[in-house]
Amino acid sequence: MARVKRGVTGHAKHKKVFKAAKGYYGRRKNTIRVAKQAVEKANQYAYRDRKRRKRTFRALWIQRLNAAVRPFGLTYSRFIGGLGKAGLSDLAIREPAAFAAIVEKAKAAIAA
């Protein structure tokens, strides 16, 4: 029976981990045990934060819309409620003149 030397596959696996750990600090970049843990944890954070990014941007959009409608005497929730009642969809920040007209329509729909 021929002897099997396992260095090639081991090196390939290690190389993959080290490539992912490039730029890490200290032993996290050059010791396989520590690098593997660091890469696994980084992947967990990356997965979680892909979901969290959507949450963060939604919050930012709401804040921006709220700030944009305040000068017109509305809050975000009343503005969105008015848009729903008026049958208008999401247009908002791109064109200020059109936005002002929409805000007035939303106000009128709330009053009615």
PDB file of N, CA and C in Angstrom:
ATOM      1  N   MET A   1       0.832  -1.178   0.000  1.00  0.00           N
ATOM      2  CA  MET A   1       0.000   0.000   0.000  1.00  0.00           C
ATOM      3  C   MET A   1       0.882   1.248   0.000  1.00  0.00           C
ATOM      4  N   ALA A   2       0.542   2.189  -0.843  1.00  0.00           N
ATOM      5  CA  ALA A   2       1.337   3.414  -0.941  1.00  0.00           C
ATOM      6  C   ALA A   2       1.024   4.338   0.226  1.00  0.00           C
ATOM      7  N   ARG A   3       2.032   5.074   0.631  1.00  0.00           N
ATOM      8  CA  ARG A   3       1.878   6.001   1.741  1.00  0.00           C
ATOM      9  C   ARG A   3       1.234   7.296   1.236  1.00  0.00           C
ATOM     10  N   VAL A   4       0.299   7.822   2.022  1.00  0.00           N
ATOM     11  CA  VAL A   4      -0.389   9.055   1.628  1.00  0.00           C
ATOM     12  C   VAL A   4       0.171  10.216   2.449  1.00  0.00           C
ATOM     13  N   LYS A   5       0.642  11.222   1.730  1.00  0.00           N
ATOM     14  CA  LYS A   5       1.134  12.426   2.413  1.00  0.00           C
ATOM     15  C   LYS A   5       0.064  13.501   2.248  1.00  0.00           C
ATOM     16  N   ARG A   6      -0.316  14.122   3.355  1.00  0.00           N
ATOM     17  CA  ARG A   6      -1.488  14.995   3.366  1.00  0.00           C
ATOM     18  C   ARG A   6      -1.167  16.488   3.323  1.00  0.00           C
ATOM     19  N   GLY A   7       0.073  16.840   3.055  1.00  0.00           N
ATOM     20  CA  GLY A   7       0.483  18.241   3.130  1.00  0.00           C
ATOM     21  C   GLY A   7      -0.238  19.159   2.162  1.00  0.00           C
ATOM     22  N   VAL A   8      -0.529  18.680   0.958  1.00  0.00           N
ATOM     23  CA  VAL A   8      -1.083  19.544  -0.086  1.00  0.00           C
ATOM     24  C   VAL A   8      -2.471  20.049   0.297  1.00  0.00           C
ATOM     25  N   THR A   9      -3.352  19.136   0.707  1.00  0.00           N
ATOM     26  CA  THR A   9      -4.714  19.561   1.057  1.00  0.00           C
ATOM     27  C   THR A   9      -4.705  20.437   2.314  1.00  0.00           C
ATOM     28  N   GLY A  10      -3.858  20.090   3.268  1.00  0.00           N
ATOM     29  CA  GLY A  10      -3.754  20.890   4.493  1.00  0.00           C
ATOM     30  C   GLY A  10      -3.306  22.307   4.193  1.00  0.00           C
ATOM     31  N   HIS A  11      -2.294  22.413   3.334  1.00  0.00           N
ATOM     32  CA  HIS A  11      -1.802  23.746   2.967  1.00  0.00           C
ATOM     33  C   HIS A  11      -2.885  24.545   2.251  1.00  0.00           C
ATOM     34  N   ALA A  12      -3.649  23.868   1.401  1.00  0.00           N
ATOM     35  CA  ALA A  12      -4.706  24.555   0.654  1.00  0.00           C
ATOM     36  C   ALA A  12      -5.761  25.109   1.616  1.00  0.00           C
ATOM     37  N   LYS A  13      -6.145  24.286   2.607  1.00  0.00           N
ATOM     38  CA  LYS A  13      -7.137  24.733   3.590  1.00  0.00           C
ATOM     39  C   LYS A  13      -6.614  25.923   4.393  1.00  0.00           C
ATOM     40  N   HIS A  14      -5.367  25.812   4.828  1.00  0.00           N
ATOM     41  CA  HIS A  14      -4.765  26.886   5.616  1.00  0.00           C
ATOM     42  C   HIS A  14      -4.654  28.164   4.789  1.00  0.00           C
ATOM     43  N   LYS A  15      -4.285  27.985   3.543  1.00  0.00           N
ATOM     44  CA  LYS A  15      -4.098  29.139   2.654  1.00  0.00           C
ATOM     45  C   LYS A  15      -5.413  29.913   2.512  1.00  0.00           C
ATOM     46  N   LYS A  16      -6.520  29.188   2.419  1.00  0.00           N
ATOM     47  CA  LYS A  16      -7.837  29.803   2.283  1.00  0.00           C
ATOM     48  C   LYS A  16      -8.163  30.639   3.523  1.00  0.00           C
ATOM     49  N   VAL A  17      -7.863  30.084   4.704  1.00  0.00           N
ATOM     50  CA  VAL A  17      -8.135  30.800   5.952  1.00  0.00           C
ATOM     51  C   VAL A  17      -7.238  32.030   6.075  1.00  0.00           C
ATOM     52  N   PHE A  18      -5.943  31.856   5.761  1.00  0.00           N
ATOM     53  CA  PHE A  18      -5.010  32.979   5.866  1.00  0.00           C
ATOM     54  C   PHE A  18      -5.365  34.094   4.899  1.00  0.00           C
ATOM     55  N   LYS A  19      -5.871  33.745   3.727  1.00  0.00           N
ATOM     56  CA  LYS A  19      -6.276  34.762   2.761  1.00  0.00           C
ATOM     57  C   LYS A  19      -7.436  35.579   3.327  1.00  0.00           C
ATOM     58  N   ALA A  20      -8.375  34.896   3.993  1.00  0.00           N
ATOM     59  CA  ALA A  20      -9.518  35.596   4.589  1.00  0.00           C
ATOM     60  C   ALA A  20      -9.090  36.440   5.787  1.00  0.00           C
ATOM     61  N   ALA A  21      -7.998  36.024   6.462  1.00  0.00           N
ATOM     62  CA  ALA A  21      -7.540  36.725   7.667  1.00  0.00           C
ATOM     63  C   ALA A  21      -6.511  37.802   7.347  1.00  0.00           C
ATOM     64  N   LYS A  22      -6.311  38.089   6.111  1.00  0.00           N
ATOM     65  CA  LYS A  22      -5.314  39.085   5.708  1.00  0.00           C
ATOM     66  C   LYS A  22      -5.680  40.445   6.289  1.00  0.00           C
ATOM     67  N   GLY A  23      -4.713  41.100   6.915  1.00  0.00           N
ATOM     68  CA  GLY A  23      -4.954  42.412   7.496  1.00  0.00           C
ATOM     69  C   GLY A  23      -5.331  42.368   8.964  1.00  0.00           C
ATOM     70  N   TYR A  24      -5.538  41.182   9.521  1.00  0.00           N
ATOM     71  CA  TYR A  24      -5.853  41.078  10.937  1.00  0.00           C
ATOM     72  C   TYR A  24      -4.597  41.362  11.759  1.00  0.00           C
ATOM     73  N   TYR A  25      -4.785  41.647  13.052  1.00  0.00           N
ATOM     74  CA  TYR A  25      -3.703  42.058  13.932  1.00  0.00           C
ATOM     75  C   TYR A  25      -3.120  40.865  14.690  1.00  0.00           C
ATOM     76  N   GLY A  26      -1.790  40.824  14.808  1.00  0.00           N
ATOM     77  CA  GLY A  26      -1.109  39.822  15.626  1.00  0.00           C
ATOM     78  C   GLY A  26      -1.244  38.406  15.095  1.00  0.00           C
ATOM     79  N   ARG A  27      -1.449  37.444  16.009  1.00  0.00           N
ATOM     80  CA  ARG A  27      -1.512  36.032  15.626  1.00  0.00           C
ATOM     81  C   ARG A  27      -2.762  35.697  14.838  1.00  0.00           C
ATOM     82  N   ARG A  28      -3.728  36.605  14.826  1.00  0.00           N
ATOM     83  CA  ARG A  28      -4.967  36.360  14.094  1.00  0.00           C
ATOM     84  C   ARG A  28      -4.714  36.218  12.602  1.00  0.00           C
ATOM     85  N   LYS A  29      -3.579  36.720  12.123  1.00  0.00           N
ATOM     86  CA  LYS A  29      -3.318  36.652  10.688  1.00  0.00           C
ATOM     87  C   LYS A  29      -2.362  35.534  10.280  1.00  0.00           C
ATOM     88  N   ASN A  30      -1.605  34.965  11.226  1.00  0.00           N
ATOM     89  CA  ASN A  30      -0.569  34.022  10.804  1.00  0.00           C
ATOM     90  C   ASN A  30      -0.492  32.716  11.594  1.00  0.00           C
ATOM     91  N   THR A  31      -1.420  32.480  12.521  1.00  0.00           N
ATOM     92  CA  THR A  31      -1.472  31.217  13.252  1.00  0.00           C
ATOM     93  C   THR A  31      -2.820  30.581  12.942  1.00  0.00           C
ATOM     94  N   ILE A  32      -2.802  29.366  12.414  1.00  0.00           N
ATOM     95  CA  ILE A  32      -4.019  28.779  11.862  1.00  0.00           C
ATOM     96  C   ILE A  32      -5.139  28.665  12.886  1.00  0.00           C
ATOM     97  N   ARG A  33      -4.833  28.254  14.121  1.00  0.00           N
ATOM     98  CA  ARG A  33      -5.878  28.090  15.125  1.00  0.00           C
ATOM     99  C   ARG A  33      -6.595  29.411  15.409  1.00  0.00           C
ATOM    100  N   VAL A  34      -5.809  30.433  15.642  1.00  0.00           N
ATOM    101  CA  VAL A  34      -6.380  31.733  15.990  1.00  0.00           C
ATOM    102  C   VAL A  34      -7.034  32.370  14.765  1.00  0.00           C
ATOM    103  N   ALA A  35      -6.391  32.221  13.614  1.00  0.00           N
ATOM    104  CA  ALA A  35      -6.921  32.813  12.377  1.00  0.00           C
ATOM    105  C   ALA A  35      -8.266  32.192  12.025  1.00  0.00           C
ATOM    106  N   LYS A  36      -8.378  30.886  12.207  1.00  0.00           N
ATOM    107  CA  LYS A  36      -9.626  30.196  11.879  1.00  0.00           C
ATOM    108  C   LYS A  36     -10.768  30.718  12.746  1.00  0.00           C
ATOM    109  N   GLN A  37     -10.508  30.880  14.062  1.00  0.00           N
ATOM    110  CA  GLN A  37     -11.522  31.425  14.964  1.00  0.00           C
ATOM    111  C   GLN A  37     -11.913  32.840  14.557  1.00  0.00           C
ATOM    112  N   ALA A  38     -10.893  33.642  14.219  1.00  0.00           N
ATOM    113  CA  ALA A  38     -11.137  35.042  13.858  1.00  0.00           C
ATOM    114  C   ALA A  38     -11.969  35.146  12.582  1.00  0.00           C
ATOM    115  N   VAL A  39     -11.663  34.288  11.612  1.00  0.00           N
ATOM    116  CA  VAL A  39     -12.394  34.318  10.336  1.00  0.00           C
ATOM    117  C   VAL A  39     -13.838  33.855  10.543  1.00  0.00           C
ATOM    118  N   GLU A  40     -14.032  32.812  11.354  1.00  0.00           N
ATOM    119  CA  GLU A  40     -15.392  32.337  11.628  1.00  0.00           C
ATOM    120  C   GLU A  40     -16.219  33.425  12.314  1.00  0.00           C
ATOM    121  N   LYS A  41     -15.618  34.107  13.290  1.00  0.00           N
ATOM    122  CA  LYS A  41     -16.324  35.171  13.999  1.00  0.00           C
ATOM    123  C   LYS A  41     -16.629  36.323  13.042  1.00  0.00           C
ATOM    124  N   ALA A  42     -15.672  36.653  12.181  1.00  0.00           N
ATOM    125  CA  ALA A  42     -15.875  37.733  11.211  1.00  0.00           C
ATOM    126  C   ALA A  42     -17.025  37.397  10.264  1.00  0.00           C
ATOM    127  N   ASN A  43     -17.116  36.130   9.869  1.00  0.00           N
ATOM    128  CA  ASN A  43     -18.213  35.716   8.987  1.00  0.00           C
ATOM    129  C   ASN A  43     -19.562  35.807   9.694  1.00  0.00           C
ATOM    130  N   GLN A  44     -19.589  35.515  11.003  1.00  0.00           N
ATOM    131  CA  GLN A  44     -20.823  35.658  11.774  1.00  0.00           C
ATOM    132  C   GLN A  44     -21.257  37.121  11.817  1.00  0.00           C
ATOM    133  N   TYR A  45     -20.288  38.001  12.066  1.00  0.00           N
ATOM    134  CA  TYR A  45     -20.592  39.434  12.094  1.00  0.00           C
ATOM    135  C   TYR A  45     -21.080  39.907  10.729  1.00  0.00           C
ATOM    136  N   ALA A  46     -20.433  39.421   9.662  1.00  0.00           N
ATOM    137  CA  ALA A  46     -20.801  39.842   8.315  1.00  0.00           C
ATOM    138  C   ALA A  46     -22.233  39.425   7.990  1.00  0.00           C
ATOM    139  N   TYR A  47     -22.604  38.196   8.359  1.00  0.00           N
ATOM    140  CA  TYR A  47     -23.959  37.699   8.119  1.00  0.00           C
ATOM    141  C   TYR A  47     -24.979  38.547   8.882  1.00  0.00           C
ATOM    142  N   ARG A  48     -24.693  38.751  10.183  1.00  0.00           N
ATOM    143  CA  ARG A  48     -25.603  39.526  11.027  1.00  0.00           C
ATOM    144  C   ARG A  48     -25.743  40.954  10.516  1.00  0.00           C
ATOM    145  N   ASP A  49     -24.636  41.560  10.122  1.00  0.00           N
ATOM    146  CA  ASP A  49     -24.663  42.972   9.750  1.00  0.00           C
ATOM    147  C   ASP A  49     -25.227  43.214   8.363  1.00  0.00           C
ATOM    148  N   ARG A  50     -25.292  42.186   7.525  1.00  0.00           N
ATOM    149  CA  ARG A  50     -26.008  42.349   6.250  1.00  0.00           C
ATOM    150  C   ARG A  50     -27.488  42.574   6.525  1.00  0.00           C
ATOM    151  N   LYS A  51     -28.005  41.904   7.537  1.00  0.00           N
ATOM    152  CA  LYS A  51     -29.401  42.108   7.940  1.00  0.00           C
ATOM    153  C   LYS A  51     -29.553  43.471   8.625  1.00  0.00           C
ATOM    154  N   ARG A  52     -28.609  43.793   9.488  1.00  0.00           N
ATOM    155  CA  ARG A  52     -28.675  45.022  10.276  1.00  0.00           C
ATOM    156  C   ARG A  52     -28.563  46.265   9.402  1.00  0.00           C
ATOM    157  N   ARG A  53     -27.824  46.154   8.288  1.00  0.00           N
ATOM    158  CA  ARG A  53     -27.647  47.299   7.385  1.00  0.00           C
ATOM    159  C   ARG A  53     -28.990  47.793   6.851  1.00  0.00           C
ATOM    160  N   LYS A  54     -29.867  46.837   6.529  1.00  0.00           N
ATOM    161  CA  LYS A  54     -31.185  47.189   6.010  1.00  0.00           C
ATOM    162  C   LYS A  54     -31.977  47.948   7.072  1.00  0.00           C
ATOM    163  N   ARG A  55     -31.875  47.495   8.317  1.00  0.00           N
ATOM    164  CA  ARG A  55     -32.535  48.143   9.441  1.00  0.00           C
ATOM    165  C   ARG A  55     -32.035  49.574   9.615  1.00  0.00           C
ATOM    166  N   THR A  56     -30.703  49.717   9.560  1.00  0.00           N
ATOM    167  CA  THR A  56     -30.075  51.018   9.771  1.00  0.00           C
ATOM    168  C   THR A  56     -30.497  52.008   8.694  1.00  0.00           C
ATOM    169  N   PHE A  57     -30.501  51.547   7.440  1.00  0.00           N
ATOM    170  CA  PHE A  57     -30.868  52.446   6.347  1.00  0.00           C
ATOM    171  C   PHE A  57     -32.335  52.836   6.428  1.00  0.00           C
ATOM    172  N   ARG A  58     -33.180  51.909   6.831  1.00  0.00           N
ATOM    173  CA  ARG A  58     -34.599  52.256   6.981  1.00  0.00           C
ATOM    174  C   ARG A  58     -34.763  53.346   8.029  1.00  0.00           C
ATOM    175  N   ALA A  59     -34.056  53.206   9.149  1.00  0.00           N
ATOM    176  CA  ALA A  59     -34.116  54.220  10.203  1.00  0.00           C
ATOM    177  C   ALA A  59     -33.615  55.569   9.686  1.00  0.00           C
ATOM    178  N   LEU A  60     -32.549  55.545   8.898  1.00  0.00           N
ATOM    179  CA  LEU A  60     -31.998  56.778   8.339  1.00  0.00           C
ATOM    180  C   LEU A  60     -32.992  57.445   7.395  1.00  0.00           C
ATOM    181  N   TRP A  61     -33.635  56.640   6.535  1.00  0.00           N
ATOM    182  CA  TRP A  61     -34.617  57.190   5.594  1.00  0.00           C
ATOM    183  C   TRP A  61     -35.782  57.825   6.346  1.00  0.00           C
ATOM    184  N   ILE A  62     -36.236  57.167   7.411  1.00  0.00           N
ATOM    185  CA  ILE A  62     -37.339  57.701   8.199  1.00  0.00           C
ATOM    186  C   ILE A  62     -36.938  59.031   8.832  1.00  0.00           C
ATOM    187  N   GLN A  63     -35.718  59.092   9.373  1.00  0.00           N
ATOM    188  CA  GLN A  63     -35.235  60.337   9.981  1.00  0.00           C
ATOM    189  C   GLN A  63     -35.160  61.457   8.956  1.00  0.00           C
ATOM    190  N   ARG A  64     -34.660  61.130   7.755  1.00  0.00           N
ATOM    191  CA  ARG A  64     -34.546  62.145   6.704  1.00  0.00           C
ATOM    192  C   ARG A  64     -35.923  62.651   6.277  1.00  0.00           C
ATOM    193  N   LEU A  65     -36.856  61.743   6.081  1.00  0.00           N
ATOM    194  CA  LEU A  65     -38.211  62.144   5.703  1.00  0.00           C
ATOM    195  C   LEU A  65     -38.854  62.986   6.807  1.00  0.00           C
ATOM    196  N   ASN A  66     -38.663  62.581   8.043  1.00  0.00           N
ATOM    197  CA  ASN A  66     -39.222  63.316   9.170  1.00  0.00           C
ATOM    198  C   ASN A  66     -38.677  64.744   9.186  1.00  0.00           C
ATOM    199  N   ALA A  67     -37.356  64.874   8.984  1.00  0.00           N
ATOM    200  CA  ALA A  67     -36.744  66.202   8.957  1.00  0.00           C
ATOM    201  C   ALA A  67     -37.232  67.015   7.761  1.00  0.00           C
ATOM    202  N   ALA A  68     -37.503  66.342   6.643  1.00  0.00           N
ATOM    203  CA  ALA A  68     -37.943  67.040   5.432  1.00  0.00           C
ATOM    204  C   ALA A  68     -39.375  67.548   5.548  1.00  0.00           C
ATOM    205  N   VAL A  69     -40.257  66.833   6.273  1.00  0.00           N
ATOM    206  CA  VAL A  69     -41.666  67.263   6.366  1.00  0.00           C
ATOM    207  C   VAL A  69     -41.931  68.203   7.540  1.00  0.00           C
ATOM    208  N   ARG A  70     -41.008  68.297   8.498  1.00  0.00           N
ATOM    209  CA  ARG A  70     -41.210  69.168   9.664  1.00  0.00           C
ATOM    210  C   ARG A  70     -41.450  70.633   9.270  1.00  0.00           C
ATOM    211  N   PRO A  71     -40.695  71.201   8.309  1.00  0.00           N
ATOM    212  CA  PRO A  71     -40.968  72.604   7.937  1.00  0.00           C
ATOM    213  C   PRO A  71     -42.379  72.823   7.379  1.00  0.00           C
ATOM    214  N   PHE A  72     -43.026  71.758   6.918  1.00  0.00           N
ATOM    215  CA  PHE A  72     -44.381  71.862   6.383  1.00  0.00           C
ATOM    216  C   PHE A  72     -45.442  71.618   7.460  1.00  0.00           C
ATOM    217  N   GLY A  73     -45.003  71.496   8.718  1.00  0.00           N
ATOM    218  CA  GLY A  73     -45.940  71.332   9.817  1.00  0.00           C
ATOM    219  C   GLY A  73     -46.485  69.925   9.969  1.00  0.00           C
ATOM    220  N   LEU A  74     -45.740  68.927   9.537  1.00  0.00           N
ATOM    221  CA  LEU A  74     -46.174  67.528   9.667  1.00  0.00           C
ATOM    222  C   LEU A  74     -45.109  66.721  10.386  1.00  0.00           C
ATOM    223  N   THR A  75     -45.524  65.552  10.888  1.00  0.00           N
ATOM    224  CA  THR A  75     -44.554  64.579  11.383  1.00  0.00           C
ATOM    225  C   THR A  75     -44.471  63.461  10.353  1.00  0.00           C
ATOM    226  N   TYR A  76     -43.501  62.587  10.533  1.00  0.00           N
ATOM    227  CA  TYR A  76     -43.317  61.476   9.592  1.00  0.00           C
ATOM    228  C   TYR A  76     -44.574  60.609   9.526  1.00  0.00           C
ATOM    229  N   SER A  77     -45.100  60.243  10.684  1.00  0.00           N
ATOM    230  CA  SER A  77     -46.224  59.300  10.693  1.00  0.00           C
ATOM    231  C   SER A  77     -47.473  59.913  10.059  1.00  0.00           C
ATOM    232  N   ARG A  78     -47.707  61.191  10.350  1.00  0.00           N
ATOM    233  CA  ARG A  78     -48.872  61.846   9.750  1.00  0.00           C
ATOM    234  C   ARG A  78     -48.682  62.004   8.244  1.00  0.00           C
ATOM    235  N   PHE A  79     -47.447  62.278   7.828  1.00  0.00           N
ATOM    236  CA  PHE A  79     -47.136  62.416   6.404  1.00  0.00           C
ATOM    237  C   PHE A  79     -47.387  61.100   5.661  1.00  0.00           C
ATOM    238  N   ILE A  80     -46.894  59.994   6.212  1.00  0.00           N
ATOM    239  CA  ILE A  80     -47.063  58.690   5.580  1.00  0.00           C
ATOM    240  C   ILE A  80     -48.550  58.310   5.565  1.00  0.00           C
ATOM    241  N   GLY A  81     -49.248  58.611   6.651  1.00  0.00           N
ATOM    242  CA  GLY A  81     -50.688  58.355   6.686  1.00  0.00           C
ATOM    243  C   GLY A  81     -51.409  59.146   5.609  1.00  0.00           C
ATOM    244  N   GLY A  82     -51.013  60.405   5.434  1.00  0.00           N
ATOM    245  CA  GLY A  82     -51.608  61.247   4.398  1.00  0.00           C
ATOM    246  C   GLY A  82     -51.303  60.744   3.006  1.00  0.00           C
ATOM    247  N   LEU A  83     -50.087  60.261   2.804  1.00  0.00           N
ATOM    248  CA  LEU A  83     -49.717  59.694   1.496  1.00  0.00           C
ATOM    249  C   LEU A  83     -50.579  58.492   1.175  1.00  0.00           C
ATOM    250  N   GLY A  84     -50.799  57.668   2.182  1.00  0.00           N
ATOM    251  CA  GLY A  84     -51.639  56.484   1.985  1.00  0.00           C
ATOM    252  C   GLY A  84     -53.067  56.866   1.631  1.00  0.00           C
ATOM    253  N   LYS A  85     -53.594  57.841   2.340  1.00  0.00           N
ATOM    254  CA  LYS A  85     -54.962  58.273   2.073  1.00  0.00           C
ATOM    255  C   LYS A  85     -55.090  58.952   0.718  1.00  0.00           C
ATOM    256  N   ALA A  86     -54.032  59.681   0.315  1.00  0.00           N
ATOM    257  CA  ALA A  86     -54.072  60.399  -0.961  1.00  0.00           C
ATOM    258  C   ALA A  86     -53.765  59.472  -2.138  1.00  0.00           C
ATOM    259  N   GLY A  87     -53.290  58.258  -1.854  1.00  0.00           N
ATOM    260  CA  GLY A  87     -52.988  57.301  -2.920  1.00  0.00           C
ATOM    261  C   GLY A  87     -51.675  57.578  -3.630  1.00  0.00           C
ATOM    262  N   LEU A  88     -50.744  58.250  -2.950  1.00  0.00           N
ATOM    263  CA  LEU A  88     -49.433  58.547  -3.549  1.00  0.00           C
ATOM    264  C   LEU A  88     -48.393  57.591  -2.996  1.00  0.00           C
ATOM    265  N   SER A  89     -47.415  57.266  -3.820  1.00  0.00           N
ATOM    266  CA  SER A  89     -46.347  56.372  -3.345  1.00  0.00           C
ATOM    267  C   SER A  89     -45.092  57.175  -3.031  1.00  0.00           C
ATOM    268  N   ASP A  90     -44.012  56.462  -2.818  1.00  0.00           N
ATOM    269  CA  ASP A  90     -42.731  57.019  -2.370  1.00  0.00           C
ATOM    270  C   ASP A  90     -42.034  57.836  -3.467  1.00  0.00           C
ATOM    271  N   LEU A  91     -41.982  59.163  -3.320  1.00  0.00           N
ATOM    272  CA  LEU A  91     -41.290  60.043  -4.278  1.00  0.00           C
ATOM    273  C   LEU A  91     -40.274  60.912  -3.562  1.00  0.00           C
ATOM    274  N   ALA A  92     -40.672  61.531  -2.542  1.00  0.00           N
ATOM    275  CA  ALA A  92     -40.006  62.377  -1.562  1.00  0.00           C
ATOM    276  C   ALA A  92     -38.811  63.240  -1.943  1.00  0.00           C
ATOM    277  N   ILE A  93     -37.604  62.790  -1.684  1.00  0.00           N
ATOM    278  CA  ILE A  93     -36.465  63.696  -1.586  1.00  0.00           C
ATOM    279  C   ILE A  93     -35.896  64.154  -2.932  1.00  0.00           C
ATOM    280  N   ARG A  94     -36.135  63.462  -4.003  1.00  0.00           N
ATOM    281  CA  ARG A  94     -35.501  63.769  -5.286  1.00  0.00           C
ATOM    282  C   ARG A  94     -35.815  65.167  -5.823  1.00  0.00           C
ATOM    283  N   GLU A  95     -37.080  65.574  -5.810  1.00  0.00           N
ATOM    284  CA  GLU A  95     -37.473  66.858  -6.399  1.00  0.00           C
ATOM    285  C   GLU A  95     -38.242  67.684  -5.360  1.00  0.00           C
ATOM    286  N   PRO A  96     -37.620  68.758  -4.854  1.00  0.00           N
ATOM    287  CA  PRO A  96     -38.234  69.545  -3.778  1.00  0.00           C
ATOM    288  C   PRO A  96     -39.583  70.165  -4.154  1.00  0.00           C
ATOM    289  N   ALA A  97     -39.734  70.629  -5.400  1.00  0.00           N
ATOM    290  CA  ALA A  97     -40.996  71.254  -5.804  1.00  0.00           C
ATOM    291  C   ALA A  97     -42.127  70.227  -5.812  1.00  0.00           C
ATOM    292  N   ALA A  98     -41.855  69.075  -6.391  1.00  0.00           N
ATOM    293  CA  ALA A  98     -42.851  68.005  -6.419  1.00  0.00           C
ATOM    294  C   ALA A  98     -43.152  67.540  -4.991  1.00  0.00           C
ATOM    295  N   PHE A  99     -42.113  67.506  -4.162  1.00  0.00           N
ATOM    296  CA  PHE A  99     -42.273  67.080  -2.774  1.00  0.00           C
ATOM    297  C   PHE A  99     -43.215  68.026  -2.027  1.00  0.00           C
ATOM    298  N   ALA A 100     -43.049  69.336  -2.239  1.00  0.00           N
ATOM    299  CA  ALA A 100     -43.908  70.315  -1.579  1.00  0.00           C
ATOM    300  C   ALA A 100     -45.368  70.113  -1.988  1.00  0.00           C
ATOM    301  N   ALA A 101     -45.575  69.825  -3.280  1.00  0.00           N
ATOM    302  CA  ALA A 101     -46.940  69.582  -3.759  1.00  0.00           C
ATOM    303  C   ALA A 101     -47.527  68.334  -3.105  1.00  0.00           C
ATOM    304  N   ILE A 102     -46.725  67.313  -2.963  1.00  0.00           N
ATOM    305  CA  ILE A 102     -47.183  66.069  -2.346  1.00  0.00           C
ATOM    306  C   ILE A 102     -47.543  66.297  -0.877  1.00  0.00           C
ATOM    307  N   VAL A 103     -46.699  67.064  -0.188  1.00  0.00           N
ATOM    308  CA  VAL A 103     -46.967  67.350   1.219  1.00  0.00           C
ATOM    309  C   VAL A 103     -48.308  68.073   1.358  1.00  0.00           C
ATOM    310  N   GLU A 104     -48.563  69.014   0.470  1.00  0.00           N
ATOM    311  CA  GLU A 104     -49.830  69.749   0.516  1.00  0.00           C
ATOM    312  C   GLU A 104     -51.016  68.810   0.269  1.00  0.00           C
ATOM    313  N   LYS A 105     -50.839  67.862  -0.667  1.00  0.00           N
ATOM    314  CA  LYS A 105     -51.896  66.866  -0.940  1.00  0.00           C
ATOM    315  C   LYS A 105     -52.142  65.995   0.284  1.00  0.00           C
ATOM    316  N   ALA A 106     -51.044  65.591   0.933  1.00  0.00           N
ATOM    317  CA  ALA A 106     -51.155  64.747   2.127  1.00  0.00           C
ATOM    318  C   ALA A 106     -51.895  65.512   3.235  1.00  0.00           C
ATOM    319  N   LYS A 107     -51.556  66.797   3.403  1.00  0.00           N
ATOM    320  CA  LYS A 107     -52.244  67.629   4.398  1.00  0.00           C
ATOM    321  C   LYS A 107     -53.739  67.719   4.123  1.00  0.00           C
ATOM    322  N   ALA A 108     -54.058  67.925   2.826  1.00  0.00           N
ATOM    323  CA  ALA A 108     -55.460  68.041   2.440  1.00  0.00           C
ATOM    324  C   ALA A 108     -56.213  66.729   2.713  1.00  0.00           C
ATOM    325  N   ALA A 109     -55.554  65.600   2.444  1.00  0.00           N
ATOM    326  CA  ALA A 109     -56.190  64.305   2.682  1.00  0.00           C
ATOM    327  C   ALA A 109     -56.424  64.064   4.172  1.00  0.00           C
ATOM    328  N   ILE A 110     -55.509  64.556   5.005  1.00  0.00           N
ATOM    329  CA  ILE A 110     -55.673  64.397   6.465  1.00  0.00           C
ATOM    330  C   ILE A 110     -56.854  65.218   6.951  1.00  0.00           C
ATOM    331  N   ALA A 111     -56.954  66.453   6.411  1.00  0.00           N
ATOM    332  CA  ALA A 111     -58.024  67.350   6.839  1.00  0.00           C
ATOM    333  C   ALA A 111     -59.416  66.840   6.426  1.00  0.00           C
ATOM    334  N   ALA A 112     -59.469  66.137   5.298  1.00  0.00           N
ATOM    335  CA  ALA A 112     -60.765  65.662   4.779  1.00  0.00           C
ATOM    336  C   ALA A 112     -61.309  64.455   5.519  1.00  0.00           C
TER     337      ALA A 112
END
